[in-house]
PDB file of N, CA and C in Angstrom:
ATOM      1  N   MET A   1     102.392  91.740  77.819  1.00  0.00           N
ATOM      2  CA  MET A   1     103.070  92.696  76.964  1.00  0.00           C
ATOM      3  C   MET A   1     104.375  92.067  76.489  1.00  0.00           C
ATOM      4  N   SER A   2     104.656  92.271  75.234  1.00  0.00           N
ATOM      5  CA  SER A   2     105.885  91.719  74.675  1.00  0.00           C
ATOM      6  C   SER A   2     107.101  92.447  75.252  1.00  0.00           C
ATOM      7  N   THR A   3     108.225  91.767  75.259  1.00  0.00           N
ATOM      8  CA  THR A   3     109.445  92.395  75.769  1.00  0.00           C
ATOM      9  C   THR A   3     109.862  93.549  74.867  1.00  0.00           C
ATOM     10  N   GLU A   4     109.570  93.428  73.572  1.00  0.00           N
ATOM     11  CA  GLU A   4     109.911  94.518  72.654  1.00  0.00           C
ATOM     12  C   GLU A   4     109.091  95.772  72.983  1.00  0.00           C
ATOM     13  N   LYS A   5     107.805  95.575  73.236  1.00  0.00           N
ATOM     14  CA  LYS A   5     106.934  96.703  73.579  1.00  0.00           C
ATOM     15  C   LYS A   5     107.382  97.328  74.905  1.00  0.00           C
ATOM     16  N   MET A   6     107.750  96.494  75.874  1.00  0.00           N
ATOM     17  CA  MET A   6     108.213  97.007  77.157  1.00  0.00           C
ATOM     18  C   MET A   6     109.497  97.822  76.971  1.00  0.00           C
ATOM     19  N   ARG A   7     110.390  97.326  76.138  1.00  0.00           N
ATOM     20  CA  ARG A   7     111.630  98.051  75.885  1.00  0.00           C
ATOM     21  C   ARG A   7     111.346  99.389  75.212  1.00  0.00           C
ATOM     22  N   GLU A   8     110.392  99.396  74.286  1.00  0.00           N
ATOM     23  CA  GLU A   8     110.018 100.653  73.622  1.00  0.00           C
ATOM     24  C   GLU A   8     109.460 101.656  74.632  1.00  0.00           C
ATOM     25  N   GLU A   9     108.659 101.189  75.575  1.00  0.00           N
ATOM     26  CA  GLU A   9     108.124 102.070  76.615  1.00  0.00           C
ATOM     27  C   GLU A   9     109.253 102.627  77.479  1.00  0.00           C
ATOM     28  N   PHE A  10     110.211 101.768  77.806  1.00  0.00           N
ATOM     29  CA  PHE A  10     111.362 102.214  78.594  1.00  0.00           C
ATOM     30  C   PHE A  10     112.150 103.271  77.834  1.00  0.00           C
ATOM     31  N   GLU A  11     112.405 103.018  76.567  1.00  0.00           N
ATOM     32  CA  GLU A  11     113.162 103.979  75.759  1.00  0.00           C
ATOM     33  C   GLU A  11     112.429 105.318  75.681  1.00  0.00           C
ATOM     34  N   ALA A  12     111.109 105.280  75.537  1.00  0.00           N
ATOM     35  CA  ALA A  12     110.314 106.513  75.489  1.00  0.00           C
ATOM     36  C   ALA A  12     110.407 107.257  76.821  1.00  0.00           C
ATOM     37  N   TRP A  13     110.334 106.519  77.920  1.00  0.00           N
ATOM     38  CA  TRP A  13     110.451 107.124  79.258  1.00  0.00           C
ATOM     39  C   TRP A  13     111.844 107.734  79.433  1.00  0.00           C
ATOM     40  N   LEU A  14     112.868 107.008  79.034  1.00  0.00           N
ATOM     41  CA  LEU A  14     114.243 107.474  79.174  1.00  0.00           C
ATOM     42  C   LEU A  14     114.437 108.792  78.427  1.00  0.00           C
ATOM     43  N   LEU A  15     113.860 108.884  77.239  1.00  0.00           N
ATOM     44  CA  LEU A  15     113.963 110.106  76.444  1.00  0.00           C
ATOM     45  C   LEU A  15     113.127 111.235  77.058  1.00  0.00           C
ATOM     46  N   GLU A  16     111.886 110.935  77.431  1.00  0.00           N
ATOM     47  CA  GLU A  16     110.986 111.960  77.952  1.00  0.00           C
ATOM     48  C   GLU A  16     111.454 112.517  79.296  1.00  0.00           C
ATOM     49  N   VAL A  17     111.827 111.652  80.197  1.00  0.00           N
ATOM     50  CA  VAL A  17     112.167 112.083  81.551  1.00  0.00           C
ATOM     51  C   VAL A  17     113.606 112.581  81.660  1.00  0.00           C
ATOM     52  N   HIS A  18     114.520 111.904  80.967  1.00  0.00           N
ATOM     53  CA  HIS A  18     115.938 112.232  81.130  1.00  0.00           C
ATOM     54  C   HIS A  18     116.590 112.815  79.882  1.00  0.00           C
ATOM     55  N   GLY A  19     115.854 112.849  78.788  1.00  0.00           N
ATOM     56  CA  GLY A  19     116.422 113.379  77.555  1.00  0.00           C
ATOM     57  C   GLY A  19     117.549 112.530  77.004  1.00  0.00           C
ATOM     58  N   LEU A  20     117.530 111.226  77.306  1.00  0.00           N
ATOM     59  CA  LEU A  20     118.588 110.316  76.882  1.00  0.00           C
ATOM     60  C   LEU A  20     118.067 109.283  75.902  1.00  0.00           C
ATOM     61  N   THR A  21     118.938 108.819  75.062  1.00  0.00           N
ATOM     62  CA  THR A  21     118.632 107.681  74.196  1.00  0.00           C
ATOM     63  C   THR A  21     119.648 106.592  74.510  1.00  0.00           C
ATOM     64  N   ALA A  22     119.269 105.366  74.201  1.00  0.00           N
ATOM     65  CA  ALA A  22     120.156 104.236  74.450  1.00  0.00           C
ATOM     66  C   ALA A  22     120.075 103.302  73.251  1.00  0.00           C
ATOM     67  N   GLU A  23     121.200 102.769  72.881  1.00  0.00           N
ATOM     68  CA  GLU A  23     121.270 101.887  71.717  1.00  0.00           C
ATOM     69  C   GLU A  23     121.042 100.442  72.138  1.00  0.00           C
ATOM     70  N   TRP A  24     120.022  99.811  71.547  1.00  0.00           N
ATOM     71  CA  TRP A  24     119.727  98.407  71.824  1.00  0.00           C
ATOM     72  C   TRP A  24     120.564  97.519  70.914  1.00  0.00           C
ATOM     73  N   GLN A  25     121.147  96.475  71.483  1.00  0.00           N
ATOM     74  CA  GLN A  25     121.954  95.519  70.726  1.00  0.00           C
ATOM     75  C   GLN A  25     121.218  94.181  70.693  1.00  0.00           C
ATOM     76  N   PRO A  26     120.453  93.918  69.642  1.00  0.00           N
ATOM     77  CA  PRO A  26     119.653  92.700  69.613  1.00  0.00           C
ATOM     78  C   PRO A  26     120.490  91.421  69.673  1.00  0.00           C
ATOM     79  N   GLU A  27     121.668  91.450  69.094  1.00  0.00           N
ATOM     80  CA  GLU A  27     122.512  90.245  69.113  1.00  0.00           C
ATOM     81  C   GLU A  27     122.985  89.894  70.521  1.00  0.00           C
ATOM     82  N   ARG A  28     123.043  90.903  71.401  1.00  0.00           N
ATOM     83  CA  ARG A  28     123.458  90.672  72.792  1.00  0.00           C
ATOM     84  C   ARG A  28     122.272  90.741  73.758  1.00  0.00           C
ATOM     85  N   ASN A  29     121.119  91.147  73.244  1.00  0.00           N
ATOM     86  CA  ASN A  29     119.905  91.284  74.035  1.00  0.00           C
ATOM     87  C   ASN A  29     120.102  92.221  75.228  1.00  0.00           C
ATOM     88  N   CYS A  30     120.761  93.350  74.942  1.00  0.00           N
ATOM     89  CA  CYS A  30     120.981  94.342  75.993  1.00  0.00           C
ATOM     90  C   CYS A  30     121.264  95.707  75.362  1.00  0.00           C
ATOM     91  N   PHE A  31     121.238  96.723  76.210  1.00  0.00           N
ATOM     92  CA  PHE A  31     121.625  98.055  75.747  1.00  0.00           C
ATOM     93  C   PHE A  31     123.137  98.150  75.711  1.00  0.00           C
ATOM     94  N   LYS A  32     123.640  98.930  74.774  1.00  0.00           N
ATOM     95  CA  LYS A  32     125.079  99.108  74.622  1.00  0.00           C
ATOM     96  C   LYS A  32     125.661  99.789  75.854  1.00  0.00           C
ATOM     97  N   GLU A  33     124.937 100.775  76.367  1.00  0.00           N
ATOM     98  CA  GLU A  33     125.407 101.526  77.531  1.00  0.00           C
ATOM     99  C   GLU A  33     125.026 100.778  78.810  1.00  0.00           C
ATOM    100  N   TYR A  34     126.018 100.446  79.619  1.00  0.00           N
ATOM    101  CA  TYR A  34     125.775  99.661  80.818  1.00  0.00           C
ATOM    102  C   TYR A  34     124.796 100.347  81.776  1.00  0.00           C
ATOM    103  N   PRO A  35     124.925 101.649  82.044  1.00  0.00           N
ATOM    104  CA  PRO A  35     123.944 102.288  82.949  1.00  0.00           C
ATOM    105  C   PRO A  35     122.507 102.183  82.423  1.00  0.00           C
ATOM    106  N   ALA A  36     122.332 102.298  81.123  1.00  0.00           N
ATOM    107  CA  ALA A  36     121.000 102.164  80.541  1.00  0.00           C
ATOM    108  C   ALA A  36     120.487 100.745  80.726  1.00  0.00           C
ATOM    109  N   HIS A  37     121.380  99.773  80.587  1.00  0.00           N
ATOM    110  CA  HIS A  37     120.967  98.380  80.764  1.00  0.00           C
ATOM    111  C   HIS A  37     120.567  98.111  82.215  1.00  0.00           C
ATOM    112  N   LEU A  38     121.322  98.634  83.153  1.00  0.00           N
ATOM    113  CA  LEU A  38     120.952  98.468  84.564  1.00  0.00           C
ATOM    114  C   LEU A  38     119.616  99.128  84.860  1.00  0.00           C
ATOM    115  N   ALA A  39     119.399 100.316  84.301  1.00  0.00           N
ATOM    116  CA  ALA A  39     118.127 101.006  84.492  1.00  0.00           C
ATOM    117  C   ALA A  39     116.988 100.193  83.885  1.00  0.00           C
ATOM    118  N   TYR A  40     117.229  99.572  82.746  1.00  0.00           N
ATOM    119  CA  TYR A  40     116.200  98.762  82.096  1.00  0.00           C
ATOM    120  C   TYR A  40     115.874  97.529  82.945  1.00  0.00           C
ATOM    121  N   GLN A  41     116.882  96.918  83.533  1.00  0.00           N
ATOM    122  CA  GLN A  41     116.634  95.766  84.403  1.00  0.00           C
ATOM    123  C   GLN A  41     115.800  96.184  85.611  1.00  0.00           C
ATOM    124  N   ALA A  42     116.088  97.342  86.166  1.00  0.00           N
ATOM    125  CA  ALA A  42     115.302  97.850  87.285  1.00  0.00           C
ATOM    126  C   ALA A  42     113.868  98.141  86.832  1.00  0.00           C
ATOM    127  N   TRP A  43     113.717  98.701  85.657  1.00  0.00           N
ATOM    128  CA  TRP A  43     112.400  98.982  85.074  1.00  0.00           C
ATOM    129  C   TRP A  43     111.594  97.678  84.966  1.00  0.00           C
ATOM    130  N   GLN A  44     112.226  96.631  84.445  1.00  0.00           N
ATOM    131  CA  GLN A  44     111.539  95.351  84.287  1.00  0.00           C
ATOM    132  C   GLN A  44     111.132  94.777  85.647  1.00  0.00           C
ATOM    133  N   ALA A  45     112.023  94.832  86.621  1.00  0.00           N
ATOM    134  CA  ALA A  45     111.711  94.300  87.947  1.00  0.00           C
ATOM    135  C   ALA A  45     110.572  95.080  88.601  1.00  0.00           C
ATOM    136  N   SER A  46     110.597  96.389  88.446  1.00  0.00           N
ATOM    137  CA  SER A  46     109.551  97.219  89.009  1.00  0.00           C
ATOM    138  C   SER A  46     108.208  96.900  88.364  1.00  0.00           C
ATOM    139  N   ARG A  47     108.195  96.772  87.077  1.00  0.00           N
ATOM    140  CA  ARG A  47     106.967  96.460  86.355  1.00  0.00           C
ATOM    141  C   ARG A  47     106.411  95.102  86.786  1.00  0.00           C
ATOM    142  N   ALA A  48     107.296  94.123  86.906  1.00  0.00           N
ATOM    143  CA  ALA A  48     106.860  92.783  87.324  1.00  0.00           C
ATOM    144  C   ALA A  48     106.255  92.831  88.730  1.00  0.00           C
ATOM    145  N   ALA A  49     106.871  93.588  89.625  1.00  0.00           N
ATOM    146  CA  ALA A  49     106.354  93.704  90.986  1.00  0.00           C
ATOM    147  C   ALA A  49     104.988  94.384  90.999  1.00  0.00           C
ATOM    148  N   LEU A  50     104.837  95.433  90.196  1.00  0.00           N
ATOM    149  CA  LEU A  50     103.543  96.117  90.117  1.00  0.00           C
ATOM    150  C   LEU A  50     102.458  95.210  89.558  1.00  0.00           C
ATOM    151  N   LEU A  51     102.780  94.455  88.521  1.00  0.00           N
ATOM    152  CA  LEU A  51     101.800  93.553  87.932  1.00  0.00           C
ATOM    153  C   LEU A  51     101.412  92.447  88.894  1.00  0.00           C
ATOM    154  N   LYS A  52     102.377  91.956  89.660  1.00  0.00           N
ATOM    155  CA  LYS A  52     102.097  90.913  90.650  1.00  0.00           C
ATOM    156  C   LYS A  52     101.172  91.458  91.736  1.00  0.00           C
ATOM    157  N   LYS A  53     101.465  92.672  92.206  1.00  0.00           N
ATOM    158  CA  LYS A  53     100.634  93.298  93.221  1.00  0.00           C
ATOM    159  C   LYS A  53      99.235  93.560  92.689  1.00  0.00           C
ATOM    160  N   GLN A  54      99.133  94.018  91.456  1.00  0.00           N
ATOM    161  CA  GLN A  54      97.837  94.284  90.840  1.00  0.00           C
ATOM    162  C   GLN A  54      97.019  92.991  90.736  1.00  0.00           C
ATOM    163  N   ALA A  55      97.654  91.900  90.338  1.00  0.00           N
ATOM    164  CA  ALA A  55      96.954  90.618  90.224  1.00  0.00           C
ATOM    165  C   ALA A  55      96.464  90.153  91.591  1.00  0.00           C
ATOM    166  N   GLN A  56      97.297  90.327  92.613  1.00  0.00           N
ATOM    167  CA  GLN A  56      96.910  89.927  93.967  1.00  0.00           C
ATOM    168  C   GLN A  56      95.721  90.750  94.450  1.00  0.00           C
ATOM    169  N   GLU A  57      95.763  92.064  94.219  1.00  0.00           N
ATOM    170  CA  GLU A  57      94.654  92.924  94.625  1.00  0.00           C
ATOM    171  C   GLU A  57      93.375  92.569  93.881  1.00  0.00           C
ATOM    172  N   GLN A  58      93.497  92.208  92.608  1.00  0.00           N
ATOM    173  CA  GLN A  58      92.330  91.826  91.828  1.00  0.00           C
ATOM    174  C   GLN A  58      91.725  90.534  92.379  1.00  0.00           C
ATOM    175  N   GLU A  59      92.576  89.566  92.722  1.00  0.00           N
ATOM    176  CA  GLU A  59      92.079  88.316  93.305  1.00  0.00           C
ATOM    177  C   GLU A  59      91.354  88.578  94.623  1.00  0.00           C
ATOM    178  N   GLU A  60      91.929  89.437  95.461  1.00  0.00           N
ATOM    179  CA  GLU A  60      91.303  89.769  96.736  1.00  0.00           C
ATOM    180  C   GLU A  60      89.965  90.463  96.515  1.00  0.00           C
ATOM    181  N   PHE A  61      89.897  91.377  95.555  1.00  0.00           N
ATOM    182  CA  PHE A  61      88.652  92.074  95.262  1.00  0.00           C
ATOM    183  C   PHE A  61      87.582  91.105  94.769  1.00  0.00           C
ATOM    184  N   LEU A  62      87.966  90.189  93.872  1.00  0.00           N
ATOM    185  CA  LEU A  62      87.001  89.227  93.353  1.00  0.00           C
ATOM    186  C   LEU A  62      86.489  88.301  94.451  1.00  0.00           C
ATOM    187  N   ALA A  63      87.372  87.910  95.359  1.00  0.00           N
ATOM    188  CA  ALA A  63      86.947  87.077  96.489  1.00  0.00           C
ATOM    189  C   ALA A  63      85.973  87.864  97.368  1.00  0.00           C
ATOM    190  N   HIS A  64      86.258  89.116  97.597  1.00  0.00           N
ATOM    191  CA  HIS A  64      85.380  89.973  98.398  1.00  0.00           C
ATOM    192  C   HIS A  64      84.044  90.166  97.681  1.00  0.00           C
ATOM    193  N   LEU A  65      84.063  90.363  96.388  1.00  0.00           N
ATOM    194  CA  LEU A  65      82.855  90.533  95.597  1.00  0.00           C
ATOM    195  C   LEU A  65      82.005  89.265  95.644  1.00  0.00           C
ATOM    196  N   ALA A  66      82.646  88.118  95.596  1.00  0.00           N
ATOM    197  CA  ALA A  66      81.920  86.848  95.669  1.00  0.00           C
ATOM    198  C   ALA A  66      81.171  86.737  96.997  1.00  0.00           C
ATOM    199  N   ASP A  67      81.757  87.236  98.092  1.00  0.00           N
ATOM    200  CA  ASP A  67      81.079  87.237  99.389  1.00  0.00           C
ATOM    201  C   ASP A  67      79.807  88.076  99.328  1.00  0.00           C
ATOM    202  N   PHE A  68      79.862  89.235  98.681  1.00  0.00           N
ATOM    203  CA  PHE A  68      78.687  90.095  98.565  1.00  0.00           C
ATOM    204  C   PHE A  68      77.594  89.424  97.747  1.00  0.00           C
ATOM    205  N   GLU A  69      77.992  88.747  96.668  1.00  0.00           N
ATOM    206  CA  GLU A  69      77.000  88.088  95.834  1.00  0.00           C
ATOM    207  C   GLU A  69      76.265  87.009  96.609  1.00  0.00           C
ATOM    208  N   GLN A  70      76.957  86.262  97.454  1.00  0.00           N
ATOM    209  CA  GLN A  70      76.314  85.245  98.269  1.00  0.00           C
ATOM    210  C   GLN A  70      75.349  85.877  99.276  1.00  0.00           C
ATOM    211  N   GLU A  71      75.760  86.960  99.898  1.00  0.00           N
ATOM    212  CA  GLU A  71      74.896  87.632 100.865  1.00  0.00           C
ATOM    213  C   GLU A  71      73.634  88.147 100.177  1.00  0.00           C
ATOM    214  N   ASP A  72      73.772  88.747  99.003  1.00  0.00           N
ATOM    215  CA  ASP A  72      72.619  89.255  98.286  1.00  0.00           C
ATOM    216  C   ASP A  72      71.640  88.142  97.940  1.00  0.00           C
ATOM    217  N   THR A  73      72.177  86.991  97.561  1.00  0.00           N
ATOM    218  CA  THR A  73      71.328  85.867  97.218  1.00  0.00           C
ATOM    219  C   THR A  73      70.580  85.360  98.441  1.00  0.00           C
ATOM    220  N   LEU A  74      71.264  85.310  99.567  1.00  0.00           N
ATOM    221  CA  LEU A  74      70.648  84.793 100.787  1.00  0.00           C
ATOM    222  C   LEU A  74      69.583  85.733 101.338  1.00  0.00           C
ATOM    223  N   HIS A  75      69.819  87.031 101.216  1.00  0.00           N
ATOM    224  CA  HIS A  75      68.896  88.002 101.824  1.00  0.00           C
ATOM    225  C   HIS A  75      67.920  88.580 100.818  1.00  0.00           C
ATOM    226  N   GLY A  76      68.026  88.142  99.606  1.00  0.00           N
ATOM    227  CA  GLY A  76      67.159  88.427  98.564  1.00  0.00           C
ATOM    228  C   GLY A  76      66.620  89.686  98.169  1.00  0.00           C
TER     229      GLY A  76
END
């Protein structure tokens, strides 16, 4: 996902959940309001952690699935 799309999702969440808007400053690559910028950094870190966990779980599932495929082949 692009950083712009992620920022748009954050802005939508900020408005929906908290009724707040935040001004993005492209020349500084940050939100004008410091609390909004800190919240956005936390949002990004949380998303990265979730995606990392999801990828790890997917790898574990695929490895487990590969074990089943071998057993099925052997026992026919």
